[in-house]
Protein backbone atom coordinates (compact mmCIF):
# COMPACT_ATOMS: atom_id res chain seq x y z
CA UNK A 1 100.84 107.09 84.58
CA UNK A 2 98.81 110.18 85.46
CA UNK A 3 102.01 112.24 85.68
CA UNK A 4 102.88 111.30 82.10
CA UNK A 5 99.50 112.67 80.98
CA UNK A 6 100.17 116.00 82.66
CA UNK A 7 103.63 116.16 81.10
CA UNK A 8 102.17 115.45 77.68
CA UNK A 9 99.47 118.09 78.25
CA UNK A 10 102.05 120.74 79.12
CA UNK A 11 104.20 119.86 76.11
CA UNK A 12 101.31 119.85 73.65
CA UNK A 13 99.87 123.07 75.10
CA UNK A 14 103.20 124.81 74.51
CA UNK A 15 103.88 123.43 71.05
CA UNK A 16 100.32 123.83 69.78
CA UNK A 17 100.43 127.45 70.94
CA UNK A 18 103.48 128.05 68.74
CA UNK A 19 101.59 126.56 65.79
CA UNK A 20 98.49 128.62 66.51
CA UNK A 21 100.60 131.77 66.58
CA UNK A 22 102.05 130.89 63.18
CA UNK A 23 98.69 129.99 61.66
CA UNK A 24 97.20 133.23 62.97
CA UNK A 25 100.10 135.23 61.51
CA UNK A 26 99.55 133.79 58.04
CA UNK A 27 95.84 134.56 58.28
CA UNK A 28 96.40 138.10 59.54
CA UNK A 29 98.60 138.91 56.54
CA UNK A 30 96.74 137.25 53.65
CA UNK A 31 93.25 136.82 55.20
CA UNK A 32 93.34 133.26 53.87
CA UNK A 33 93.00 130.15 56.09
CA UNK A 34 96.28 128.38 55.37
CA UNK A 35 95.52 124.67 55.21
CA UNK A 36 99.12 123.98 54.19
CA UNK A 37 100.45 125.20 57.53
CA UNK A 38 100.47 121.72 59.03
CA UNK A 39 103.21 120.76 56.59
CA UNK A 40 105.52 123.18 58.39
CA UNK A 41 105.22 120.96 61.47
CA UNK A 42 106.13 117.88 59.44
CA UNK A 43 109.14 119.68 57.95
CA UNK A 44 110.48 120.40 61.43
CA UNK A 45 109.85 116.82 62.50
CA UNK A 46 111.84 115.39 59.60
CA UNK A 47 114.66 117.89 60.06
CA UNK A 48 114.95 116.59 63.65
CA UNK A 49 114.65 112.96 62.55
CA UNK A 50 117.25 113.29 59.79
CA UNK A 51 119.83 115.10 61.89
CA UNK A 52 119.39 112.66 64.77
CA UNK A 53 119.50 109.59 62.53
CA UNK A 54 122.56 110.58 60.54
CA UNK A 55 124.46 112.91 62.89
CA UNK A 56 123.07 112.05 66.35
CA UNK A 57 122.12 115.70 66.81
CA UNK A 58 119.28 116.04 69.32
CA UNK A 59 116.12 118.02 68.47
CA UNK A 60 117.16 120.70 70.97
CA UNK A 61 120.29 121.39 68.92
CA UNK A 62 118.60 121.00 65.54
CA UNK A 63 115.73 123.34 66.50
CA UNK A 64 117.38 126.48 64.98
CA UNK A 65 117.93 124.61 61.70
CA UNK A 66 114.30 123.49 61.73
CA UNK A 67 113.16 127.09 62.32
CA UNK A 68 115.32 128.38 59.46
CA UNK A 69 114.29 125.71 56.96
CA UNK A 70 110.63 126.00 57.89
CA UNK A 71 110.75 129.78 57.53
CA UNK A 72 112.36 129.58 54.10
CA UNK A 73 109.83 127.00 52.87
CA UNK A 74 106.98 129.16 54.16
CA UNK A 75 108.28 132.25 52.33
CA UNK A 76 108.78 130.29 49.09
CA UNK A 77 105.24 128.94 49.35
CA UNK A 78 103.88 132.45 49.79
CA UNK A 79 105.93 133.87 46.90
CA UNK A 80 105.23 131.09 44.41
CA UNK A 81 101.61 130.25 45.19
CA UNK A 82 99.71 132.81 47.24
CA UNK A 83 101.14 136.20 46.29
CA UNK A 84 100.62 135.75 42.51
CA UNK A 85 97.04 134.58 43.14
CA UNK A 86 96.34 137.49 45.47
CA UNK A 87 97.67 139.95 42.89
CA UNK A 88 95.26 138.45 40.35
CA UNK A 89 92.37 138.98 42.80
CA UNK A 90 91.68 135.27 43.13
CA UNK A 91 88.66 134.39 45.25
CA UNK A 92 88.96 133.23 48.83
CA UNK A 93 87.78 129.76 47.79
CA UNK A 94 90.48 129.54 45.12
CA UNK A 95 93.15 130.57 47.63
CA UNK A 96 91.97 128.04 50.20
CA UNK A 97 91.99 125.26 47.61
CA UNK A 98 95.50 126.32 46.61
CA UNK A 99 96.72 125.88 50.19
CA UNK A 100 95.09 122.42 50.26
CA UNK A 101 96.93 121.59 47.05
CA UNK A 102 100.21 122.73 48.59
CA UNK A 103 99.59 120.52 51.61
CA UNK A 104 98.87 117.52 49.37
CA UNK A 105 102.10 118.25 47.49
CA UNK A 106 104.11 118.27 50.71
CA UNK A 107 102.54 115.03 51.93
CA UNK A 108 103.70 113.45 48.68
CA UNK A 109 107.20 114.85 49.17
CA UNK A 110 107.38 113.47 52.72
CA UNK A 111 106.18 110.06 51.50
CA UNK A 112 108.85 110.02 48.79
CA UNK A 113 111.50 111.05 51.31
CA UNK A 114 110.55 108.28 53.74
CA UNK A 115 110.62 105.73 50.90
CA UNK A 116 114.08 106.99 49.99
CA UNK A 117 115.30 106.61 53.58
CA UNK A 118 113.87 103.09 53.71
CA UNK A 119 115.26 101.92 50.38
CA UNK A 120 118.62 103.69 50.37
CA UNK A 121 119.56 103.53 54.06
CA UNK A 122 117.35 100.74 55.42
CA UNK A 123 115.77 103.12 57.92
CA UNK A 124 112.54 101.25 58.54
CA UNK A 125 111.02 103.63 61.10
CA UNK A 126 111.05 106.75 58.94
CA UNK A 127 107.25 106.72 58.42
CA UNK A 128 106.44 106.33 62.12
CA UNK A 129 108.93 107.39 64.77
CA UNK A 130 109.52 109.11 68.10
CA UNK A 131 112.81 110.55 69.36
CA UNK A 132 112.17 110.21 73.08
CA UNK A 133 115.60 108.58 73.45
CA UNK A 134 117.13 111.91 72.40
CA UNK A 135 115.53 113.71 75.33
CA UNK A 136 117.42 114.65 78.48
CA UNK A 137 116.53 115.13 82.15
CA UNK A 138 116.22 118.54 83.84
CA UNK A 139 115.38 119.03 87.52
CA UNK A 140 114.29 115.43 87.74
CA UNK A 141 111.84 115.82 84.85
CA UNK A 142 111.90 115.10 81.14
CA UNK A 143 113.66 117.93 79.40
CA UNK A 144 110.84 118.53 76.94
CA UNK A 145 108.47 119.16 79.87
CA UNK A 146 110.69 121.98 81.14
CA UNK A 147 112.03 123.41 77.89
CA UNK A 148 108.92 123.71 75.73
CA UNK A 149 106.98 125.99 78.14
CA UNK A 150 110.10 128.14 78.52
CA UNK A 151 110.43 128.42 74.74
CA UNK A 152 106.79 129.44 74.45
CA UNK A 153 107.19 132.10 77.15
CA UNK A 154 110.37 133.43 75.53
CA UNK A 155 108.77 133.63 72.08
CA UNK A 156 105.60 135.31 73.36
CA UNK A 157 107.62 137.91 75.28
CA UNK A 158 109.86 138.50 72.26
CA UNK A 159 106.91 138.96 69.93
CA UNK A 160 105.24 141.29 72.42
CA UNK A 161 108.35 143.47 72.51
CA UNK A 162 108.63 143.41 68.71
CA UNK A 163 104.98 144.35 68.20
CA UNK A 164 104.96 147.13 70.80
CA UNK A 165 108.51 148.52 70.92
CA UNK A 166 109.94 148.32 67.40
CA UNK A 167 109.27 150.12 64.12
CA UNK A 168 108.74 146.78 62.39
CA UNK A 169 106.12 145.79 64.95
CA UNK A 170 104.26 149.06 64.41
CA UNK A 171 104.51 148.54 60.65
CA UNK A 172 103.17 145.00 61.00
CA UNK A 173 100.19 146.11 63.06
CA UNK A 174 99.46 148.92 60.63
CA UNK A 175 99.66 146.51 57.69
CA UNK A 176 97.29 144.06 59.32
CA UNK A 177 94.75 146.75 60.20
CA UNK A 178 94.80 148.63 56.89
CA UNK A 179 97.30 147.53 54.19
CA UNK A 180 96.43 150.35 51.74
CA UNK A 181 96.79 153.08 54.33
CA UNK A 182 100.03 151.51 55.59
CA UNK A 183 101.44 151.48 52.04
CA UNK A 184 100.50 155.14 51.55
CA UNK A 185 102.26 155.91 54.85
CA UNK A 186 105.48 154.44 53.48
CA UNK A 187 105.34 150.93 54.98
CA UNK A 188 106.86 148.22 52.79
CA UNK A 189 103.94 145.83 53.18
CA UNK A 190 105.56 143.25 50.89
CA UNK A 191 108.53 142.98 53.25
CA UNK A 192 106.20 142.82 56.26
CA UNK A 193 104.36 139.89 54.69
CA UNK A 194 107.58 138.05 53.90
CA UNK A 195 108.95 138.42 57.42
CA UNK A 196 105.61 137.44 58.93
CA UNK A 197 105.44 134.29 56.83
CA UNK A 198 109.05 133.47 57.67
CA UNK A 199 108.33 133.74 61.39
CA UNK A 200 105.12 131.74 61.03
CA UNK A 201 106.80 128.93 59.11
CA UNK A 202 109.72 128.88 61.52
CA UNK A 203 107.45 128.56 64.55
CA UNK A 204 105.58 125.63 62.99
CA UNK A 205 108.78 123.78 62.15
CA UNK A 206 110.25 124.53 65.57
CA UNK A 207 107.16 122.99 67.15
CA UNK A 208 107.40 119.96 64.87
CA UNK A 209 111.07 119.50 65.74
CA UNK A 210 110.36 119.39 69.48
CA UNK A 211 107.16 117.38 69.03
CA UNK A 212 109.32 114.41 68.02
CA UNK A 213 110.44 114.12 71.65
CA UNK A 214 106.92 113.52 72.91
CA UNK A 215 104.69 112.16 70.13
CA UNK A 216 104.73 109.47 67.49
CA UNK A 217 105.35 111.20 64.17
CA UNK A 218 103.90 110.10 60.84
CA UNK A 219 104.75 111.50 57.42
CA UNK A 220 101.34 113.21 57.33
CA UNK A 221 101.28 114.35 60.97
CA UNK A 222 100.88 118.01 59.99
CA UNK A 223 97.83 117.32 57.85
CA UNK A 224 96.27 115.42 60.74
CA UNK A 225 96.92 118.22 63.24
CA UNK A 226 95.91 121.21 61.11
CA UNK A 227 92.29 120.93 62.28
CA UNK A 228 93.45 121.17 65.90
CA UNK A 229 95.54 124.24 65.08
CA UNK A 230 92.55 125.87 63.43
CA UNK A 231 90.46 125.07 66.49
CA UNK A 232 93.01 126.78 68.73
CA UNK A 233 93.26 129.85 66.51
CA UNK A 234 89.48 130.16 66.21
CA UNK A 235 89.03 129.78 69.97
CA UNK A 236 91.53 132.59 70.48
CA UNK A 237 89.94 134.88 67.92
CA UNK A 238 91.97 134.10 64.74
CA UNK A 239 93.18 137.70 64.41
CA UNK A 240 94.91 138.03 67.75
CA UNK A 241 98.38 136.72 68.56
CA UNK A 242 97.70 136.56 72.28
CA UNK A 243 94.43 134.80 71.60
CA UNK A 244 96.33 132.24 69.55
CA UNK A 245 98.50 131.49 72.58
CA UNK A 246 95.43 131.05 74.76
CA UNK A 247 93.68 128.88 72.17
CA UNK A 248 96.75 126.73 71.67
CA UNK A 249 97.08 126.11 75.39
CA UNK A 250 93.41 125.18 75.63
CA UNK A 251 93.35 122.71 72.74
CA UNK A 252 96.73 121.24 73.63
CA UNK A 253 95.95 120.63 77.29
CA UNK A 254 92.29 119.71 76.88
CA UNK A 255 92.97 117.07 74.28
CA UNK A 256 94.94 115.16 76.90
CA UNK A 257 93.37 116.09 80.25
CA UNK A 258 89.71 116.05 79.23
CA UNK A 259 90.26 112.71 77.53
CA UNK A 260 91.97 111.41 80.67
CA UNK A 261 89.08 112.54 82.86
CA UNK A 262 86.35 111.07 80.66
CA UNK A 263 88.29 107.85 80.09
CA UNK A 264 88.55 107.44 83.87
CA UNK A 265 84.76 107.12 84.08
CA UNK A 266 83.81 105.45 80.79
CA UNK A 267 86.91 103.39 80.05
CA UNK A 268 90.11 103.61 77.97
CA UNK A 269 88.18 103.25 74.71
CA UNK A 270 87.56 107.01 74.83
CA UNK A 271 91.26 107.64 74.11
CA UNK A 272 90.45 107.13 70.42
CA UNK A 273 88.42 110.35 70.49
CA UNK A 274 91.19 112.61 71.80
CA UNK A 275 91.39 114.67 68.61
CA UNK A 276 87.66 115.43 68.81
CA UNK A 277 87.86 117.23 72.16
CA UNK A 278 89.35 120.50 70.80
CA UNK A 279 86.69 120.60 68.08
CA UNK A 280 83.89 120.26 70.61
CA UNK A 281 85.46 123.05 72.67
CA UNK A 282 85.69 125.21 69.55
CA UNK A 283 81.98 124.77 68.85
CA UNK A 284 81.10 125.64 72.45
CA UNK A 285 83.29 128.76 72.37
CA UNK A 286 81.84 129.91 69.04
CA UNK A 287 78.31 129.54 70.39
CA UNK A 288 79.13 131.63 73.45
CA UNK A 289 81.63 134.02 71.80
CA UNK A 290 81.38 133.99 67.97
CA UNK A 291 84.58 136.03 67.61
CA UNK A 292 86.66 133.99 70.03
CA UNK A 293 87.61 134.33 73.67
CA UNK A 294 89.57 137.54 73.17
CA UNK A 295 86.39 139.27 71.99
CA UNK A 296 84.78 138.86 75.41
CA UNK A 297 84.67 142.13 77.32
CA UNK A 298 85.24 141.30 80.97
CA UNK A 299 84.80 144.88 82.11
CA UNK A 300 81.44 145.66 83.62
CA UNK A 301 79.89 148.89 82.51
């Protein structure tokens, strides 16, 4: 029983980190908290569910498709909703409300899709499902326990190389730090934003696709998790990719392990408050380090 908690903690730490990276990317480019980002997770989950239900394709195989579809949806959202509003100098409040409206729209789309699956194909579990039967075993462990941390490590290393060793990475960092100066220097900041949003959306959908192997998925799962993703990004600093990884690991693991530890002493009723643990940690971090953990200078003068 305890081992299953540690497995779940490792899986959630890895997948939440991917989501925190994506959420941080969208914020770094537009400077707008993207409350619609949770829908990217739901998109990936339903890509996995659909391909497994109709084609018996496991989430590991459907992960690239989830990444691609999520990336495209993210770019379309940016082009249709956010970019026109930004060009019209809309206020931050207006942009935030727009992302909330987009999230509400997607929740409606997911609800319609699940109703369609239920009525047309008699798939009764489309609103609440888990694809643990599609998982495999590796080294005597559940595959998702081994694969998700490896995916996180591979993506972090790849992004590090892109940001530090490629012209696009340099252009992205320049755009984030000073968009006007980057444009004057010849950087196509519009293309940088599009690629950044594609990567961000793809990471969220990839995480949602693999999340189906470990968690019960509802049609509004992304909207329920977005607060946790924000907590992870804020803990990490919200403008730092590496901080997003750290924050994602903290909120993903703590939500399971801290709950397990407290429940051991006070009783299993505390399990109902799992989602509140990352928020408490966020408040504590903000009190001690208002700009996130990555703002702490560990060097002694």
